[in-house]
Amino acid sequence: MRTVVVTGGGTGIGREVAAQFAAEGCDVVITGRRDDVLQKAVTEIDGSVRAVVMDGTDPEQTAEVARGVGAVDVLVNNAGGNTDFDRGEPRTLADVADAWRRNLDSNLITAVLMTTALLPAMPTGSAVITIGSIAADKGAGSYGAAKAAVASWNVDLARQIGDRGITANVVSPGYIADTEFFRDKLTDDRKNSLIDATMTQRAGAPSDIAATVRFLASPGARQITGQTIAVNGGEWTTR
């Protein structure tokens, strides 16, 4: 049985990733800050799922979780999101610095800390998969910059762990419906414009991202590493 850790696993993409791995028979650990949200996910997901409440930006809490989990076969760094949605426009330089640090902490530092903590006990054949964003390419202030940093860090990570038989990749979503990302603040016009920008003419779903994550963690993806895999319906193309 594989052990899978999904950070930010209580809702949206993280919850769907956890549910799909649990359906495979994996032992799944989900982490997050909100105990009620995590427990609801544990109750609703059919499979072996454990919840751990933690602040992923805290090194001591991260180290404690790593000690408790032990050897992990798949790490999905999903925790994050655009923290600018939770605050007003910055008015001072101190506000700007705080806003940028919050997005970097939430999206980059959480992934770096959890990966660093778990890697020593990850066996050959393991996979580290981090959720990025189309914003890394299109630009979106401190959030886009944080996700671009995630992609750059992933290249170095893949280089460091490749000879151990461990892969590291980023899955970069476009617009994904049925998540908390936009805090229910999207207007219908904005939703329609995001869908119109795709070639598939539909919003992405958490299941689209989860399926890609599962593939990257599968035996068929052992020669794929150091990559950013775009899952955006063609809104932003790669070559």
C-alpha atoms as a PDB file:
ATOM      1  CA  MET A   1       0.000   0.000   0.000  1.00  0.00           C
ATOM      2  CA  ARG A   2       1.360   3.395  -0.991  1.00  0.00           C
ATOM      3  CA  THR A   3       1.332   6.275   1.470  1.00  0.00           C
ATOM      4  CA  VAL A   4       0.250   9.597  -0.025  1.00  0.00           C
ATOM      5  CA  VAL A   5       0.418  13.035   1.614  1.00  0.00           C
ATOM      6  CA  VAL A   6      -1.757  15.806   0.185  1.00  0.00           C
ATOM      7  CA  THR A   7      -1.295  19.267   1.649  1.00  0.00           C
ATOM      8  CA  GLY A   8      -4.350  21.485   1.562  1.00  0.00           C
ATOM      9  CA  GLY A   9      -6.375  18.312   1.153  1.00  0.00           C
ATOM     10  CA  GLY A  10      -9.667  19.402   2.674  1.00  0.00           C
ATOM     11  CA  THR A  11     -11.306  21.084  -0.322  1.00  0.00           C
ATOM     12  CA  GLY A  12     -11.165  21.542  -4.075  1.00  0.00           C
ATOM     13  CA  ILE A  13      -8.249  20.063  -5.964  1.00  0.00           C
ATOM     14  CA  GLY A  14      -6.564  18.643  -2.867  1.00  0.00           C
ATOM     15  CA  ARG A  15      -9.710  16.878  -1.727  1.00  0.00           C
ATOM     16  CA  GLU A  16     -10.236  15.324  -5.162  1.00  0.00           C
ATOM     17  CA  VAL A  17      -6.603  14.195  -5.324  1.00  0.00           C
ATOM     18  CA  ALA A  18      -6.989  12.579  -1.900  1.00  0.00           C
ATOM     19  CA  ALA A  19     -10.246  10.905  -2.911  1.00  0.00           C
ATOM     20  CA  GLN A  20      -8.770   9.420  -6.099  1.00  0.00           C
ATOM     21  CA  PHE A  21      -5.713   8.028  -4.324  1.00  0.00           C
ATOM     22  CA  ALA A  22      -7.925   6.643  -1.544  1.00  0.00           C
ATOM     23  CA  ALA A  23     -10.058   4.926  -4.188  1.00  0.00           C
ATOM     24  CA  GLU A  24      -6.871   3.196  -5.412  1.00  0.00           C
ATOM     25  CA  GLY A  25      -6.395   1.758  -1.939  1.00  0.00           C
ATOM     26  CA  CYS A  26      -3.642   4.126  -0.829  1.00  0.00           C
ATOM     27  CA  ASP A  27      -3.118   5.268   2.743  1.00  0.00           C
ATOM     28  CA  VAL A  28      -3.801   8.993   2.397  1.00  0.00           C
ATOM     29  CA  VAL A  29      -2.870  11.792   4.789  1.00  0.00           C
ATOM     30  CA  ILE A  30      -4.440  15.214   4.213  1.00  0.00           C
ATOM     31  CA  THR A  31      -3.190  18.365   5.898  1.00  0.00           C
ATOM     32  CA  GLY A  32      -4.608  21.834   6.374  1.00  0.00           C
ATOM     33  CA  ARG A  33      -5.306  24.558   8.896  1.00  0.00           C
ATOM     34  CA  ARG A  34      -9.049  23.979   9.404  1.00  0.00           C
ATOM     35  CA  ASP A  35      -9.905  20.897  11.429  1.00  0.00           C
ATOM     36  CA  ASP A  36     -13.638  20.994  10.606  1.00  0.00           C
ATOM     37  CA  VAL A  37     -12.937  21.067   6.865  1.00  0.00           C
ATOM     38  CA  LEU A  38     -10.450  18.215   7.097  1.00  0.00           C
ATOM     39  CA  GLN A  39     -12.749  16.048   9.201  1.00  0.00           C
ATOM     40  CA  LYS A  40     -15.615  16.610   6.762  1.00  0.00           C
ATOM     41  CA  ALA A  41     -13.371  15.418   3.917  1.00  0.00           C
ATOM     42  CA  VAL A  42     -12.297  12.349   5.903  1.00  0.00           C
ATOM     43  CA  THR A  43     -15.939  11.465   6.541  1.00  0.00           C
ATOM     44  CA  GLU A  44     -17.016  11.909   2.941  1.00  0.00           C
ATOM     45  CA  ILE A  45     -14.095  10.243   1.150  1.00  0.00           C
ATOM     46  CA  ASP A  46     -14.547   6.507   0.767  1.00  0.00           C
ATOM     47  CA  GLY A  47     -11.182   5.030   1.704  1.00  0.00           C
ATOM     48  CA  SER A  48      -8.307   5.223   4.138  1.00  0.00           C
ATOM     49  CA  VAL A  49      -7.766   8.910   4.897  1.00  0.00           C
ATOM     50  CA  ARG A  50      -6.205  10.564   7.932  1.00  0.00           C
ATOM     51  CA  ALA A  51      -6.273  14.280   8.717  1.00  0.00           C
ATOM     52  CA  VAL A  52      -3.516  16.347  10.303  1.00  0.00           C
ATOM     53  CA  VAL A  53      -4.132  19.964  11.285  1.00  0.00           C
ATOM     54  CA  MET A  54      -1.039  22.082  10.687  1.00  0.00           C
ATOM     55  CA  ASP A  55       0.315  25.385   9.430  1.00  0.00           C
ATOM     56  CA  GLY A  56       2.482  24.504   6.467  1.00  0.00           C
ATOM     57  CA  THR A  57       4.517  27.693   6.788  1.00  0.00           C
ATOM     58  CA  ASP A  58       5.738  26.625  10.249  1.00  0.00           C
ATOM     59  CA  PRO A  59       9.000  24.607  10.107  1.00  0.00           C
ATOM     60  CA  GLU A  60       8.495  22.978  13.506  1.00  0.00           C
ATOM     61  CA  GLN A  61       4.950  21.835  12.735  1.00  0.00           C
ATOM     62  CA  THR A  62       6.090  20.524   9.356  1.00  0.00           C
ATOM     63  CA  ALA A  63       8.938  18.557  10.927  1.00  0.00           C
ATOM     64  CA  GLU A  64       6.560  17.083  13.502  1.00  0.00           C
ATOM     65  CA  VAL A  65       4.133  15.955  10.804  1.00  0.00           C
ATOM     66  CA  ALA A  66       6.972  14.377   8.810  1.00  0.00           C
ATOM     67  CA  ARG A  67       8.120  12.415  11.859  1.00  0.00           C
ATOM     68  CA  GLY A  68       4.587  11.165  12.443  1.00  0.00           C
ATOM     69  CA  VAL A  69       3.931  10.136   8.853  1.00  0.00           C
ATOM     70  CA  GLY A  70       7.204   8.313   8.209  1.00  0.00           C
ATOM     71  CA  ALA A  71       7.970   6.953   4.733  1.00  0.00           C
ATOM     72  CA  VAL A  72       5.881   8.527   1.976  1.00  0.00           C
ATOM     73  CA  ASP A  73       5.552   7.329  -1.624  1.00  0.00           C
ATOM     74  CA  VAL A  74       3.719  10.319  -3.078  1.00  0.00           C
ATOM     75  CA  LEU A  75       3.754  13.922  -1.895  1.00  0.00           C
ATOM     76  CA  VAL A  76       1.260  16.332  -3.429  1.00  0.00           C
ATOM     77  CA  ASN A  77       2.049  19.935  -2.525  1.00  0.00           C
ATOM     78  CA  ASN A  78      -1.373  21.440  -3.078  1.00  0.00           C
ATOM     79  CA  ALA A  79      -1.578  23.975  -0.227  1.00  0.00           C
ATOM     80  CA  GLY A  80      -1.656  27.573  -1.386  1.00  0.00           C
ATOM     81  CA  GLY A  81      -3.857  30.000  -3.256  1.00  0.00           C
ATOM     82  CA  ASN A  82      -3.922  33.717  -3.898  1.00  0.00           C
ATOM     83  CA  THR A  83      -3.775  35.298  -0.459  1.00  0.00           C
ATOM     84  CA  ASP A  84      -4.431  38.723  -2.002  1.00  0.00           C
ATOM     85  CA  PHE A  85      -8.104  37.753  -2.153  1.00  0.00           C
ATOM     86  CA  ASP A  86      -8.192  37.842   1.648  1.00  0.00           C
ATOM     87  CA  ARG A  87      -6.961  41.420   2.054  1.00  0.00           C
ATOM     88  CA  GLY A  88      -7.510  44.914   0.723  1.00  0.00           C
ATOM     89  CA  GLU A  89      -5.278  46.907  -1.571  1.00  0.00           C
ATOM     90  CA  PRO A  90      -1.879  47.644   0.030  1.00  0.00           C
ATOM     91  CA  ARG A  91      -1.508  51.279   1.049  1.00  0.00           C
ATOM     92  CA  THR A  92       2.063  51.367   2.314  1.00  0.00           C
ATOM     93  CA  LEU A  93       5.361  49.690   1.474  1.00  0.00           C
ATOM     94  CA  ALA A  94       4.928  47.596   4.607  1.00  0.00           C
ATOM     95  CA  ASP A  95       1.573  46.409   3.239  1.00  0.00           C
ATOM     96  CA  VAL A  96       3.194  45.505  -0.076  1.00  0.00           C
ATOM     97  CA  ALA A  97       5.968  43.570   1.636  1.00  0.00           C
ATOM     98  CA  ASP A  98       3.457  41.695   3.793  1.00  0.00           C
ATOM     99  CA  ALA A  99       1.243  40.850   0.819  1.00  0.00           C
ATOM    100  CA  TRP A 100       4.168  39.444  -1.192  1.00  0.00           C
ATOM    101  CA  ARG A 101       5.504  37.457   1.737  1.00  0.00           C
ATOM    102  CA  ARG A 102       2.106  35.920   2.376  1.00  0.00           C
ATOM    103  CA  ASN A 103       1.800  34.598  -1.170  1.00  0.00           C
ATOM    104  CA  LEU A 104       5.374  33.333  -1.172  1.00  0.00           C
ATOM    105  CA  ASP A 105       4.867  31.646   2.196  1.00  0.00           C
ATOM    106  CA  SER A 106       1.543  30.101   1.206  1.00  0.00           C
ATOM    107  CA  ASN A 107       2.572  28.781  -2.204  1.00  0.00           C
ATOM    108  CA  LEU A 108       6.358  28.345  -2.260  1.00  0.00           C
ATOM    109  CA  ILE A 109       7.576  27.949   1.306  1.00  0.00           C
ATOM    110  CA  THR A 110       4.905  25.391   2.236  1.00  0.00           C
ATOM    111  CA  ALA A 111       5.986  23.190  -0.677  1.00  0.00           C
ATOM    112  CA  VAL A 112       9.695  23.586   0.045  1.00  0.00           C
ATOM    113  CA  LEU A 113       9.305  22.814   3.758  1.00  0.00           C
ATOM    114  CA  MET A 114       7.105  19.738   3.375  1.00  0.00           C
ATOM    115  CA  THR A 115       9.224  18.332   0.568  1.00  0.00           C
ATOM    116  CA  THR A 116      12.459  18.884   2.472  1.00  0.00           C
ATOM    117  CA  ALA A 117      10.995  17.272   5.588  1.00  0.00           C
ATOM    118  CA  LEU A 118       9.657  14.160   3.839  1.00  0.00           C
ATOM    119  CA  LEU A 119      12.381  13.503   1.250  1.00  0.00           C
ATOM    120  CA  PRO A 120      14.868  11.675   3.510  1.00  0.00           C
ATOM    121  CA  ALA A 121      12.373   8.830   4.036  1.00  0.00           C
ATOM    122  CA  MET A 122      10.955   8.701   0.488  1.00  0.00           C
ATOM    123  CA  PRO A 123      11.930   5.460  -1.291  1.00  0.00           C
ATOM    124  CA  THR A 124      12.998   4.883  -4.860  1.00  0.00           C
ATOM    125  CA  GLY A 125      10.018   5.191  -7.195  1.00  0.00           C
ATOM    126  CA  SER A 126       8.431   7.997  -5.206  1.00  0.00           C
ATOM    127  CA  ALA A 127       7.000  11.178  -6.679  1.00  0.00           C
ATOM    128  CA  VAL A 128       6.764  14.802  -5.603  1.00  0.00           C
ATOM    129  CA  ILE A 129       3.995  16.676  -7.406  1.00  0.00           C
ATOM    130  CA  THR A 130       3.363  20.354  -6.764  1.00  0.00           C
ATOM    131  CA  ILE A 131       0.325  22.307  -7.901  1.00  0.00           C
ATOM    132  CA  GLY A 132       1.354  25.410  -9.827  1.00  0.00           C
ATOM    133  CA  SER A 133      -0.788  27.836 -11.788  1.00  0.00           C
ATOM    134  CA  ILE A 134      -1.289  29.346 -15.214  1.00  0.00           C
ATOM    135  CA  ALA A 135      -0.635  32.634 -13.375  1.00  0.00           C
ATOM    136  CA  ALA A 136       3.077  31.779 -13.383  1.00  0.00           C
ATOM    137  CA  ASP A 137       3.064  32.345 -17.147  1.00  0.00           C
ATOM    138  CA  LYS A 138       0.331  34.955 -17.554  1.00  0.00           C
ATOM    139  CA  GLY A 139       1.322  37.074 -14.552  1.00  0.00           C
ATOM    140  CA  ALA A 140      -0.756  37.809 -11.458  1.00  0.00           C
ATOM    141  CA  GLY A 141       1.231  39.962  -9.059  1.00  0.00           C
ATOM    142  CA  SER A 142       2.738  38.249  -6.048  1.00  0.00           C
ATOM    143  CA  TYR A 143       0.660  35.103  -6.608  1.00  0.00           C
ATOM    144  CA  GLY A 144       1.939  34.615 -10.154  1.00  0.00           C
ATOM    145  CA  ALA A 145       5.483  35.306  -9.019  1.00  0.00           C
ATOM    146  CA  ALA A 146       5.172  32.736  -6.233  1.00  0.00           C
ATOM    147  CA  LYS A 147       3.945  30.073  -8.659  1.00  0.00           C
ATOM    148  CA  ALA A 148       6.741  30.923 -11.093  1.00  0.00           C
ATOM    149  CA  ALA A 149       9.161  30.410  -8.221  1.00  0.00           C
ATOM    150  CA  VAL A 150       7.571  27.013  -7.576  1.00  0.00           C
ATOM    151  CA  ALA A 151       8.273  25.974 -11.164  1.00  0.00           C
ATOM    152  CA  SER A 152      11.911  27.097 -10.953  1.00  0.00           C
ATOM    153  CA  TRP A 153      12.428  25.361  -7.607  1.00  0.00           C
ATOM    154  CA  ASN A 154      10.947  22.178  -9.052  1.00  0.00           C
ATOM    155  CA  VAL A 155      13.638  22.014 -11.756  1.00  0.00           C
ATOM    156  CA  ASP A 156      16.387  22.142  -9.147  1.00  0.00           C
ATOM    157  CA  LEU A 157      14.553  19.632  -6.954  1.00  0.00           C
ATOM    158  CA  ALA A 158      14.235  17.171  -9.839  1.00  0.00           C
ATOM    159  CA  ARG A 159      17.949  17.478 -10.521  1.00  0.00           C
ATOM    160  CA  GLN A 160      18.833  16.799  -6.889  1.00  0.00           C
ATOM    161  CA  ILE A 161      16.663  13.698  -6.428  1.00  0.00           C
ATOM    162  CA  GLY A 162      16.737  12.156  -9.892  1.00  0.00           C
ATOM    163  CA  ASP A 163      19.515   9.692  -9.130  1.00  0.00           C
ATOM    164  CA  ARG A 164      17.430   8.382  -6.228  1.00  0.00           C
ATOM    165  CA  GLY A 165      14.692   7.358  -8.657  1.00  0.00           C
ATOM    166  CA  ILE A 166      12.350  10.052  -7.358  1.00  0.00           C
ATOM    167  CA  THR A 167      10.543  12.381  -9.759  1.00  0.00           C
ATOM    168  CA  ALA A 168       9.420  15.974  -9.233  1.00  0.00           C
ATOM    169  CA  ASN A 169       6.872  17.722 -11.425  1.00  0.00           C
ATOM    170  CA  VAL A 170       4.460  20.648 -11.375  1.00  0.00           C
ATOM    171  CA  VAL A 171       0.843  20.449 -12.527  1.00  0.00           C
ATOM    172  CA  SER A 172      -0.261  23.903 -13.668  1.00  0.00           C
ATOM    173  CA  PRO A 173      -4.050  24.407 -13.796  1.00  0.00           C
ATOM    174  CA  GLY A 174      -5.995  27.088 -15.591  1.00  0.00           C
ATOM    175  CA  TYR A 175      -9.472  28.054 -14.398  1.00  0.00           C
ATOM    176  CA  ILE A 176     -10.848  25.279 -12.193  1.00  0.00           C
ATOM    177  CA  ALA A 177     -14.470  25.471 -11.095  1.00  0.00           C
ATOM    178  CA  ASP A 178     -15.814  24.080  -7.797  1.00  0.00           C
ATOM    179  CA  THR A 179     -12.946  25.270  -5.610  1.00  0.00           C
ATOM    180  CA  GLU A 180     -12.532  27.961  -2.973  1.00  0.00           C
ATOM    181  CA  PHE A 181      -9.843  29.737  -4.996  1.00  0.00           C
ATOM    182  CA  PHE A 182     -11.852  32.813  -5.989  1.00  0.00           C
ATOM    183  CA  ARG A 183     -13.764  32.937  -2.679  1.00  0.00           C
ATOM    184  CA  ASP A 184     -17.091  32.894  -4.589  1.00  0.00           C
ATOM    185  CA  LYS A 185     -16.367  36.408  -5.882  1.00  0.00           C
ATOM    186  CA  LEU A 186     -16.332  35.646  -9.609  1.00  0.00           C
ATOM    187  CA  THR A 187     -19.095  37.273 -11.607  1.00  0.00           C
ATOM    188  CA  ASP A 188     -20.848  35.288 -14.316  1.00  0.00           C
ATOM    189  CA  ASP A 189     -19.224  37.512 -16.935  1.00  0.00           C
ATOM    190  CA  ARG A 190     -15.765  36.761 -15.553  1.00  0.00           C
ATOM    191  CA  LYS A 191     -16.472  33.016 -15.428  1.00  0.00           C
ATOM    192  CA  ASN A 192     -17.668  33.101 -19.014  1.00  0.00           C
ATOM    193  CA  SER A 193     -14.577  35.015 -20.143  1.00  0.00           C
ATOM    194  CA  LEU A 194     -12.299  32.436 -18.516  1.00  0.00           C
ATOM    195  CA  ILE A 195     -14.173  29.609 -20.238  1.00  0.00           C
ATOM    196  CA  ASP A 196     -14.190  31.449 -23.580  1.00  0.00           C
ATOM    197  CA  ALA A 197     -10.382  31.703 -23.369  1.00  0.00           C
ATOM    198  CA  THR A 198     -10.051  27.906 -23.485  1.00  0.00           C
ATOM    199  CA  MET A 199     -10.021  25.710 -26.585  1.00  0.00           C
ATOM    200  CA  THR A 200     -12.211  23.123 -24.882  1.00  0.00           C
ATOM    201  CA  GLN A 201     -14.853  25.740 -24.060  1.00  0.00           C
ATOM    202  CA  ARG A 202     -15.371  24.471 -20.532  1.00  0.00           C
ATOM    203  CA  ALA A 203     -14.064  25.137 -17.069  1.00  0.00           C
ATOM    204  CA  GLY A 204     -11.562  22.702 -15.654  1.00  0.00           C
ATOM    205  CA  ALA A 205     -12.613  20.432 -12.805  1.00  0.00           C
ATOM    206  CA  PRO A 206     -10.660  19.190  -9.774  1.00  0.00           C
ATOM    207  CA  SER A 207     -10.884  15.717 -11.290  1.00  0.00           C
ATOM    208  CA  ASP A 208      -8.879  16.908 -14.329  1.00  0.00           C
ATOM    209  CA  ILE A 209      -6.003  17.906 -12.083  1.00  0.00           C
ATOM    210  CA  ALA A 210      -6.272  14.823  -9.870  1.00  0.00           C
ATOM    211  CA  ALA A 211      -6.084  12.518 -12.881  1.00  0.00           C
ATOM    212  CA  THR A 212      -2.894  14.213 -14.063  1.00  0.00           C
ATOM    213  CA  VAL A 213      -1.398  13.989 -10.574  1.00  0.00           C
ATOM    214  CA  ARG A 214      -2.183  10.277 -10.416  1.00  0.00           C
ATOM    215  CA  PHE A 215      -0.507   9.697 -13.774  1.00  0.00           C
ATOM    216  CA  LEU A 216       2.652  11.518 -12.684  1.00  0.00           C
ATOM    217  CA  ALA A 217       2.759   9.281  -9.607  1.00  0.00           C
ATOM    218  CA  SER A 218       2.264   6.114 -11.655  1.00  0.00           C
ATOM    219  CA  PRO A 219       4.841   3.616 -12.964  1.00  0.00           C
ATOM    220  CA  GLY A 220       4.235   4.949 -16.472  1.00  0.00           C
ATOM    221  CA  ALA A 221       5.656   8.361 -15.593  1.00  0.00           C
ATOM    222  CA  ARG A 222       9.043   7.357 -14.161  1.00  0.00           C
ATOM    223  CA  GLN A 223      10.955   9.145 -16.939  1.00  0.00           C
ATOM    224  CA  ILE A 224       8.979  12.374 -16.587  1.00  0.00           C
ATOM    225  CA  THR A 225      10.627  14.786 -14.159  1.00  0.00           C
ATOM    226  CA  GLY A 226      11.526  18.453 -13.869  1.00  0.00           C
ATOM    227  CA  GLN A 227       8.461  19.344 -15.942  1.00  0.00           C
ATOM    228  CA  THR A 228       5.518  21.712 -15.673  1.00  0.00           C
ATOM    229  CA  ILE A 229       2.415  20.030 -17.080  1.00  0.00           C
ATOM    230  CA  ALA A 230      -0.241  22.519 -18.204  1.00  0.00           C
ATOM    231  CA  VAL A 231      -3.875  21.506 -17.635  1.00  0.00           C
ATOM    232  CA  ASN A 232      -5.775  24.557 -18.821  1.00  0.00           C
ATOM    233  CA  GLY A 233      -7.969  23.592 -21.760  1.00  0.00           C
ATOM    234  CA  GLY A 234      -5.580  25.288 -24.179  1.00  0.00           C
ATOM    235  CA  GLU A 235      -5.883  28.761 -22.660  1.00  0.00           C
ATOM    236  CA  TRP A 236      -2.084  28.971 -22.436  1.00  0.00           C
ATOM    237  CA  THR A 237      -0.185  26.685 -24.796  1.00  0.00           C
ATOM    238  CA  THR A 238       3.290  25.187 -24.420  1.00  0.00           C
ATOM    239  CA  ARG A 239       5.691  23.484 -26.829  1.00  0.00           C
END
